[in-house]
Amino acid sequence: MIPTLYKSKLSHLMSYPISAGALSKALENVPQIDELAVAFFDSCQDPRKLENPCRVLSIGYFYQRVSLTSENKRIDQGEYGAKWKIMVYPVPRAYVSAVKNQLDGEGLNRVRQWLYLHKNAIGKDGNCWLHLLYDTDVDRFSYKEHDKLSG
């Protein structure tokens, strides 16, 4: 099971579109499975204030080396080193079913493909991310990738 780092409480108007258990099952065969952790953030509590397209899930790798200018407090808190993280964001309850269908249909497959593509990221400086966005007007996912790895 992918460990949950944090899960925010939500208003009755919002819901998370996937659980840690469902993520664990969907990603059980990816090379990074033992390195992944998930956090559920309350980026928005009011559906009327949600941007469209809304962020549903982000997955990424980041690595920052300890250097002479690194703060001891940040070192002690484990902010340095290689990390894989999944962030799940809430969606309006009215869209939860549609978003789950999109995740099951194509979203999680895209995440698996992205993880396989970045299986050799460990030890590289920088970061890379895949963001899954849901457009409520057209009932469709879009994806944004960010890759700033070196080494």
N, C-alpha and C. Protein backbone atom coordinates (compact mmCIF):
# COMPACT_ATOMS: atom_id res chain seq x y z
N MET A 1 0.84 -1.18 0.00
CA MET A 1 0.00 0.00 0.00
C MET A 1 0.89 1.25 0.00
N ILE A 2 0.57 2.18 -0.87
CA ILE A 2 1.30 3.45 -0.91
C ILE A 2 0.96 4.22 0.37
N PRO A 3 1.99 4.63 1.13
CA PRO A 3 1.69 5.34 2.38
C PRO A 3 1.10 6.72 2.14
N THR A 4 0.18 7.11 3.01
CA THR A 4 -0.44 8.42 2.95
C THR A 4 0.30 9.35 3.91
N LEU A 5 0.84 10.43 3.36
CA LEU A 5 1.56 11.42 4.17
C LEU A 5 0.62 12.38 4.87
N TYR A 6 -0.48 12.71 4.18
CA TYR A 6 -1.37 13.75 4.69
C TYR A 6 -2.71 13.64 3.98
N LYS A 7 -3.79 13.86 4.73
CA LYS A 7 -5.11 13.90 4.11
C LYS A 7 -5.93 14.98 4.79
N SER A 8 -6.25 16.02 4.02
CA SER A 8 -7.04 17.14 4.53
C SER A 8 -8.52 16.77 4.58
N LYS A 9 -9.19 17.31 5.56
CA LYS A 9 -10.65 17.18 5.64
C LYS A 9 -11.26 18.10 4.59
N LEU A 10 -12.37 17.65 4.01
CA LEU A 10 -13.02 18.42 2.95
C LEU A 10 -14.42 18.87 3.36
N SER A 11 -14.89 19.92 2.71
CA SER A 11 -16.27 20.34 2.89
C SER A 11 -17.19 19.31 2.24
N HIS A 12 -18.45 19.38 2.55
CA HIS A 12 -19.41 18.44 1.98
C HIS A 12 -19.60 18.65 0.47
N LEU A 13 -19.07 19.72 -0.07
CA LEU A 13 -19.23 20.03 -1.49
C LEU A 13 -18.14 19.40 -2.37
N MET A 14 -17.06 18.93 -1.72
CA MET A 14 -15.91 18.42 -2.47
C MET A 14 -15.63 16.98 -2.07
N SER A 15 -14.92 16.27 -2.97
CA SER A 15 -14.56 14.89 -2.69
C SER A 15 -13.27 14.54 -3.42
N TYR A 16 -12.50 13.63 -2.83
CA TYR A 16 -11.31 13.14 -3.52
C TYR A 16 -11.74 12.09 -4.54
N PRO A 17 -11.19 12.14 -5.76
CA PRO A 17 -11.65 11.24 -6.82
C PRO A 17 -11.03 9.84 -6.77
N ILE A 18 -10.06 9.61 -5.89
CA ILE A 18 -9.42 8.30 -5.80
C ILE A 18 -8.85 8.13 -4.39
N SER A 19 -8.77 6.89 -3.96
CA SER A 19 -8.24 6.58 -2.62
C SER A 19 -6.80 6.08 -2.73
N ALA A 20 -6.12 6.04 -1.59
CA ALA A 20 -4.76 5.50 -1.56
C ALA A 20 -4.77 4.03 -1.96
N GLY A 21 -5.79 3.31 -1.55
CA GLY A 21 -5.90 1.89 -1.91
C GLY A 21 -6.04 1.68 -3.41
N ALA A 22 -6.89 2.48 -4.04
CA ALA A 22 -7.09 2.37 -5.49
C ALA A 22 -5.81 2.76 -6.24
N LEU A 23 -5.11 3.79 -5.76
CA LEU A 23 -3.83 4.17 -6.36
C LEU A 23 -2.82 3.04 -6.23
N SER A 24 -2.76 2.44 -5.05
CA SER A 24 -1.82 1.35 -4.80
C SER A 24 -2.07 0.19 -5.75
N LYS A 25 -3.32 -0.15 -5.92
CA LYS A 25 -3.66 -1.27 -6.81
C LYS A 25 -3.32 -0.92 -8.26
N ALA A 26 -3.64 0.29 -8.69
CA ALA A 26 -3.40 0.70 -10.08
C ALA A 26 -1.91 0.79 -10.40
N LEU A 27 -1.09 1.11 -9.40
CA LEU A 27 0.34 1.34 -9.64
C LEU A 27 1.22 0.22 -9.07
N GLU A 28 0.63 -0.90 -8.71
CA GLU A 28 1.38 -1.95 -8.01
C GLU A 28 2.56 -2.52 -8.79
N ASN A 29 2.57 -2.42 -10.09
CA ASN A 29 3.66 -3.00 -10.88
C ASN A 29 4.67 -1.99 -11.42
N VAL A 30 4.57 -0.73 -11.02
CA VAL A 30 5.53 0.25 -11.52
C VAL A 30 6.84 0.12 -10.73
N PRO A 31 7.97 0.46 -11.36
CA PRO A 31 9.26 0.29 -10.68
C PRO A 31 9.41 1.10 -9.40
N GLN A 32 8.72 2.21 -9.28
CA GLN A 32 8.86 3.11 -8.13
C GLN A 32 7.90 2.81 -6.99
N ILE A 33 7.15 1.72 -7.05
CA ILE A 33 6.08 1.49 -6.08
C ILE A 33 6.54 1.61 -4.63
N ASP A 34 7.73 1.16 -4.31
CA ASP A 34 8.20 1.22 -2.92
C ASP A 34 8.69 2.60 -2.52
N GLU A 35 8.82 3.50 -3.48
CA GLU A 35 9.30 4.86 -3.21
C GLU A 35 8.17 5.89 -3.17
N LEU A 36 6.98 5.50 -3.61
CA LEU A 36 5.87 6.45 -3.72
C LEU A 36 5.23 6.74 -2.37
N ALA A 37 4.75 7.96 -2.23
CA ALA A 37 3.94 8.39 -1.08
C ALA A 37 2.85 9.29 -1.64
N VAL A 38 1.69 9.33 -0.97
CA VAL A 38 0.57 10.12 -1.46
C VAL A 38 0.12 11.12 -0.39
N ALA A 39 -0.30 12.29 -0.85
CA ALA A 39 -0.87 13.31 0.02
C ALA A 39 -2.16 13.80 -0.62
N PHE A 40 -3.16 14.02 0.20
CA PHE A 40 -4.47 14.51 -0.26
C PHE A 40 -4.63 15.94 0.25
N PHE A 41 -4.63 16.89 -0.69
CA PHE A 41 -4.64 18.31 -0.33
C PHE A 41 -6.00 18.94 -0.58
N ASP A 42 -6.37 19.89 0.28
CA ASP A 42 -7.62 20.63 0.14
C ASP A 42 -7.36 21.94 -0.60
N SER A 43 -6.95 21.84 -1.82
CA SER A 43 -6.58 23.02 -2.60
C SER A 43 -7.74 23.99 -2.77
N CYS A 44 -8.95 23.47 -2.70
CA CYS A 44 -10.13 24.32 -2.85
C CYS A 44 -11.29 23.66 -2.10
N GLN A 45 -12.00 24.43 -1.31
CA GLN A 45 -13.14 23.90 -0.56
C GLN A 45 -14.48 24.35 -1.15
N ASP A 46 -14.45 25.26 -2.11
CA ASP A 46 -15.67 25.80 -2.69
C ASP A 46 -15.65 25.58 -4.20
N PRO A 47 -16.55 24.76 -4.73
CA PRO A 47 -16.56 24.46 -6.16
C PRO A 47 -16.64 25.70 -7.06
N ARG A 48 -17.27 26.77 -6.56
CA ARG A 48 -17.40 27.99 -7.37
C ARG A 48 -16.06 28.69 -7.57
N LYS A 49 -15.10 28.42 -6.71
CA LYS A 49 -13.78 29.07 -6.79
C LYS A 49 -12.74 28.20 -7.50
N LEU A 50 -13.15 27.05 -7.96
CA LEU A 50 -12.25 26.12 -8.62
C LEU A 50 -11.93 26.58 -10.03
N GLU A 51 -10.67 26.56 -10.38
CA GLU A 51 -10.27 26.90 -11.75
C GLU A 51 -10.65 25.77 -12.69
N ASN A 52 -10.91 26.10 -13.92
CA ASN A 52 -11.21 25.10 -14.94
C ASN A 52 -10.19 25.25 -16.06
N PRO A 53 -9.44 24.20 -16.41
CA PRO A 53 -9.51 22.85 -15.87
C PRO A 53 -8.94 22.77 -14.46
N CYS A 54 -9.49 21.86 -13.67
CA CYS A 54 -9.05 21.71 -12.29
C CYS A 54 -8.04 20.58 -12.17
N ARG A 55 -7.07 20.79 -11.31
CA ARG A 55 -6.05 19.77 -11.08
C ARG A 55 -6.67 18.64 -10.27
N VAL A 56 -6.45 17.41 -10.74
CA VAL A 56 -7.00 16.22 -10.09
C VAL A 56 -5.89 15.45 -9.38
N LEU A 57 -4.77 15.29 -10.06
CA LEU A 57 -3.68 14.49 -9.52
C LEU A 57 -2.36 14.99 -10.10
N SER A 58 -1.34 15.01 -9.28
CA SER A 58 0.01 15.31 -9.74
C SER A 58 0.92 14.23 -9.20
N ILE A 59 1.85 13.81 -10.02
CA ILE A 59 2.84 12.83 -9.57
C ILE A 59 4.20 13.35 -10.00
N GLY A 60 5.16 13.22 -9.11
CA GLY A 60 6.45 13.77 -9.45
C GLY A 60 7.60 13.20 -8.66
N TYR A 61 8.77 13.51 -9.17
CA TYR A 61 10.03 13.14 -8.55
C TYR A 61 10.82 14.43 -8.35
N PHE A 62 11.47 14.56 -7.21
CA PHE A 62 12.35 15.70 -7.01
C PHE A 62 13.54 15.26 -6.17
N TYR A 63 14.66 15.87 -6.47
CA TYR A 63 15.89 15.55 -5.76
C TYR A 63 16.71 16.81 -5.58
N GLN A 64 17.02 17.08 -4.34
CA GLN A 64 17.86 18.22 -4.01
C GLN A 64 19.00 17.70 -3.15
N ARG A 65 20.20 17.90 -3.62
CA ARG A 65 21.37 17.44 -2.87
C ARG A 65 21.67 18.36 -1.69
N VAL A 66 22.22 17.77 -0.66
CA VAL A 66 22.70 18.54 0.48
C VAL A 66 23.99 19.23 0.05
N SER A 67 24.09 20.51 0.35
CA SER A 67 25.30 21.27 0.00
C SER A 67 25.79 22.04 1.21
N LEU A 68 26.86 22.76 1.04
CA LEU A 68 27.41 23.56 2.14
C LEU A 68 26.45 24.64 2.62
N THR A 69 25.55 25.08 1.74
CA THR A 69 24.61 26.14 2.11
C THR A 69 23.26 25.58 2.59
N SER A 70 23.13 24.27 2.67
CA SER A 70 21.88 23.65 3.11
C SER A 70 21.63 23.93 4.59
N GLU A 71 20.40 24.21 4.94
CA GLU A 71 20.05 24.47 6.34
C GLU A 71 19.94 23.15 7.10
N ASN A 72 20.54 23.11 8.28
CA ASN A 72 20.51 21.90 9.10
C ASN A 72 19.08 21.48 9.43
N LYS A 73 18.22 22.46 9.72
CA LYS A 73 16.83 22.15 10.04
C LYS A 73 16.15 21.42 8.89
N ARG A 74 16.37 21.89 7.68
CA ARG A 74 15.77 21.25 6.51
C ARG A 74 16.36 19.87 6.26
N ILE A 75 17.65 19.71 6.57
CA ILE A 75 18.28 18.39 6.45
C ILE A 75 17.63 17.44 7.45
N ASP A 76 17.48 17.88 8.70
CA ASP A 76 16.87 17.05 9.75
C ASP A 76 15.42 16.68 9.43
N GLN A 77 14.72 17.57 8.74
CA GLN A 77 13.32 17.31 8.39
C GLN A 77 13.19 16.42 7.15
N GLY A 78 14.31 16.04 6.56
CA GLY A 78 14.28 15.14 5.41
C GLY A 78 13.88 15.79 4.11
N GLU A 79 14.13 17.09 3.97
CA GLU A 79 13.73 17.79 2.76
C GLU A 79 14.70 17.59 1.60
N TYR A 80 15.84 16.97 1.88
CA TYR A 80 16.81 16.71 0.82
C TYR A 80 16.76 15.23 0.47
N GLY A 81 17.30 14.91 -0.69
CA GLY A 81 17.30 13.53 -1.14
C GLY A 81 16.24 13.31 -2.20
N ALA A 82 16.21 12.10 -2.72
CA ALA A 82 15.28 11.74 -3.80
C ALA A 82 13.92 11.38 -3.22
N LYS A 83 12.86 11.91 -3.83
CA LYS A 83 11.50 11.63 -3.36
C LYS A 83 10.54 11.51 -4.54
N TRP A 84 9.66 10.55 -4.45
CA TRP A 84 8.54 10.41 -5.38
C TRP A 84 7.28 10.76 -4.59
N LYS A 85 6.41 11.57 -5.17
CA LYS A 85 5.20 11.98 -4.44
C LYS A 85 4.01 12.05 -5.39
N ILE A 86 2.87 11.63 -4.87
CA ILE A 86 1.59 11.76 -5.57
C ILE A 86 0.75 12.73 -4.75
N MET A 87 0.15 13.70 -5.42
CA MET A 87 -0.76 14.62 -4.74
C MET A 87 -2.14 14.51 -5.39
N VAL A 88 -3.12 14.25 -4.58
CA VAL A 88 -4.50 14.14 -5.04
C VAL A 88 -5.25 15.38 -4.58
N TYR A 89 -6.04 15.94 -5.48
CA TYR A 89 -6.77 17.18 -5.19
C TYR A 89 -8.27 16.91 -5.26
N PRO A 90 -9.06 17.62 -4.47
CA PRO A 90 -10.50 17.41 -4.47
C PRO A 90 -11.17 17.99 -5.70
N VAL A 91 -12.30 17.39 -6.04
CA VAL A 91 -13.14 17.89 -7.14
C VAL A 91 -14.55 18.07 -6.59
N PRO A 92 -15.36 18.89 -7.24
CA PRO A 92 -16.75 19.03 -6.79
C PRO A 92 -17.47 17.68 -6.83
N ARG A 93 -18.28 17.41 -5.83
CA ARG A 93 -18.98 16.12 -5.75
C ARG A 93 -19.76 15.81 -7.03
N ALA A 94 -20.27 16.82 -7.68
CA ALA A 94 -21.04 16.61 -8.91
C ALA A 94 -20.20 15.98 -10.02
N TYR A 95 -18.88 16.12 -9.95
CA TYR A 95 -18.00 15.60 -11.00
C TYR A 95 -17.21 14.37 -10.59
N VAL A 96 -17.38 13.88 -9.38
CA VAL A 96 -16.56 12.77 -8.90
C VAL A 96 -16.70 11.53 -9.78
N SER A 97 -17.89 11.17 -10.14
CA SER A 97 -18.10 9.98 -10.97
C SER A 97 -17.42 10.11 -12.33
N ALA A 98 -17.59 11.26 -12.96
CA ALA A 98 -16.96 11.49 -14.27
C ALA A 98 -15.44 11.46 -14.17
N VAL A 99 -14.89 12.06 -13.12
CA VAL A 99 -13.44 12.08 -12.94
C VAL A 99 -12.92 10.67 -12.67
N LYS A 100 -13.62 9.90 -11.84
CA LYS A 100 -13.21 8.52 -11.58
C LYS A 100 -13.20 7.71 -12.87
N ASN A 101 -14.22 7.91 -13.70
CA ASN A 101 -14.27 7.19 -14.99
C ASN A 101 -13.08 7.56 -15.87
N GLN A 102 -12.73 8.84 -15.89
CA GLN A 102 -11.58 9.29 -16.69
C GLN A 102 -10.28 8.72 -16.12
N LEU A 103 -10.17 8.69 -14.80
CA LEU A 103 -8.97 8.12 -14.18
C LEU A 103 -8.84 6.64 -14.53
N ASP A 104 -9.93 5.90 -14.39
CA ASP A 104 -9.91 4.47 -14.70
C ASP A 104 -9.70 4.21 -16.18
N GLY A 105 -10.29 5.07 -17.02
CA GLY A 105 -10.22 4.86 -18.45
C GLY A 105 -8.88 5.19 -19.07
N GLU A 106 -8.31 6.32 -18.72
CA GLU A 106 -7.04 6.72 -19.34
C GLU A 106 -6.05 7.35 -18.38
N GLY A 107 -6.52 8.01 -17.34
CA GLY A 107 -5.63 8.77 -16.47
C GLY A 107 -4.57 7.94 -15.78
N LEU A 108 -4.97 6.84 -15.14
CA LEU A 108 -4.00 6.01 -14.42
C LEU A 108 -3.07 5.28 -15.38
N ASN A 109 -3.56 4.95 -16.57
CA ASN A 109 -2.69 4.35 -17.58
C ASN A 109 -1.60 5.34 -18.00
N ARG A 110 -1.98 6.59 -18.14
CA ARG A 110 -1.00 7.63 -18.48
C ARG A 110 0.03 7.79 -17.35
N VAL A 111 -0.42 7.71 -16.10
CA VAL A 111 0.49 7.80 -14.95
C VAL A 111 1.48 6.64 -14.98
N ARG A 112 0.98 5.42 -15.22
CA ARG A 112 1.87 4.25 -15.30
C ARG A 112 2.91 4.41 -16.40
N GLN A 113 2.47 4.85 -17.57
CA GLN A 113 3.41 5.07 -18.68
C GLN A 113 4.46 6.10 -18.31
N TRP A 114 4.05 7.18 -17.66
CA TRP A 114 4.97 8.24 -17.27
C TRP A 114 5.99 7.72 -16.26
N LEU A 115 5.53 6.91 -15.30
CA LEU A 115 6.44 6.34 -14.30
C LEU A 115 7.47 5.42 -14.95
N TYR A 116 7.05 4.60 -15.90
CA TYR A 116 8.00 3.74 -16.61
C TYR A 116 9.00 4.57 -17.41
N LEU A 117 8.53 5.63 -18.00
CA LEU A 117 9.40 6.52 -18.77
C LEU A 117 10.46 7.17 -17.88
N HIS A 118 10.12 7.42 -16.61
CA HIS A 118 11.03 8.09 -15.68
C HIS A 118 11.61 7.13 -14.64
N LYS A 119 11.68 5.85 -14.96
CA LYS A 119 12.17 4.87 -13.99
C LYS A 119 13.63 5.07 -13.61
N ASN A 120 14.40 5.75 -14.45
CA ASN A 120 15.82 5.99 -14.16
C ASN A 120 16.08 7.38 -13.58
N ALA A 121 15.07 8.01 -13.05
CA ALA A 121 15.23 9.37 -12.52
C ALA A 121 15.99 9.40 -11.20
N ILE A 122 15.93 8.34 -10.42
CA ILE A 122 16.58 8.32 -9.10
C ILE A 122 18.05 8.70 -9.22
N GLY A 123 18.45 9.66 -8.39
CA GLY A 123 19.83 10.12 -8.38
C GLY A 123 20.09 11.32 -9.27
N LYS A 124 19.13 11.65 -10.12
CA LYS A 124 19.29 12.83 -10.98
C LYS A 124 18.84 14.07 -10.21
N ASP A 125 19.55 15.15 -10.41
CA ASP A 125 19.18 16.42 -9.79
C ASP A 125 17.97 17.02 -10.50
N GLY A 126 17.16 17.75 -9.74
CA GLY A 126 16.04 18.47 -10.33
C GLY A 126 14.72 17.80 -10.01
N ASN A 127 13.78 17.95 -10.94
CA ASN A 127 12.45 17.41 -10.73
C ASN A 127 11.75 17.16 -12.04
N CYS A 128 10.73 16.31 -11.97
CA CYS A 128 9.85 16.06 -13.12
C CYS A 128 8.46 15.78 -12.56
N TRP A 129 7.45 16.24 -13.28
CA TRP A 129 6.07 16.13 -12.81
C TRP A 129 5.13 15.80 -13.97
N LEU A 130 4.06 15.11 -13.64
CA LEU A 130 2.93 14.91 -14.53
C LEU A 130 1.70 15.39 -13.79
N HIS A 131 0.95 16.30 -14.41
CA HIS A 131 -0.27 16.85 -13.80
C HIS A 131 -1.47 16.40 -14.63
N LEU A 132 -2.48 15.86 -13.97
CA LEU A 132 -3.73 15.47 -14.60
C LEU A 132 -4.76 16.54 -14.28
N LEU A 133 -5.34 17.12 -15.32
CA LEU A 133 -6.32 18.20 -15.18
C LEU A 133 -7.65 17.76 -15.79
N TYR A 134 -8.74 18.11 -15.14
CA TYR A 134 -10.06 17.77 -15.64
C TYR A 134 -10.79 19.03 -16.05
N ASP A 135 -11.25 19.05 -17.30
CA ASP A 135 -12.01 20.18 -17.82
C ASP A 135 -13.50 19.87 -17.68
N THR A 136 -14.16 20.61 -16.82
CA THR A 136 -15.58 20.36 -16.55
C THR A 136 -16.47 20.73 -17.74
N ASP A 137 -16.01 21.62 -18.61
CA ASP A 137 -16.82 22.03 -19.76
C ASP A 137 -16.90 20.96 -20.83
N VAL A 138 -15.83 20.22 -21.02
CA VAL A 138 -15.80 19.22 -22.10
C VAL A 138 -15.69 17.79 -21.57
N ASP A 139 -15.71 17.62 -20.25
CA ASP A 139 -15.64 16.29 -19.62
C ASP A 139 -14.44 15.50 -20.16
N ARG A 140 -13.26 16.10 -20.03
CA ARG A 140 -12.06 15.47 -20.59
C ARG A 140 -10.83 15.83 -19.76
N PHE A 141 -9.91 14.88 -19.68
CA PHE A 141 -8.62 15.13 -19.05
C PHE A 141 -7.67 15.80 -20.01
N SER A 142 -6.78 16.59 -19.46
CA SER A 142 -5.60 17.06 -20.19
C SER A 142 -4.42 16.82 -19.28
N TYR A 143 -3.23 16.86 -19.86
CA TYR A 143 -2.04 16.52 -19.11
C TYR A 143 -0.97 17.58 -19.33
N LYS A 144 -0.25 17.88 -18.27
CA LYS A 144 0.89 18.80 -18.37
C LYS A 144 2.09 18.08 -17.80
N GLU A 145 3.19 18.13 -18.54
CA GLU A 145 4.42 17.51 -18.06
C GLU A 145 5.47 18.59 -17.87
N HIS A 146 6.30 18.36 -16.88
CA HIS A 146 7.36 19.27 -16.52
C HIS A 146 8.58 18.40 -16.24
N ASP A 147 9.69 18.67 -16.93
CA ASP A 147 10.88 17.84 -16.75
C ASP A 147 12.11 18.72 -16.68
N LYS A 148 12.67 18.83 -15.49
CA LYS A 148 13.90 19.60 -15.30
C LYS A 148 14.91 18.74 -14.56
N LEU A 149 15.20 17.57 -15.13
CA LEU A 149 16.18 16.67 -14.55
C LEU A 149 17.53 16.87 -15.22
N SER A 150 18.59 16.73 -14.45
CA SER A 150 19.94 16.78 -15.01
C SER A 150 20.79 15.73 -14.33
N GLY A 151 21.79 15.27 -15.05
CA GLY A 151 22.72 14.32 -14.45
C GLY A 151 22.56 12.93 -14.89
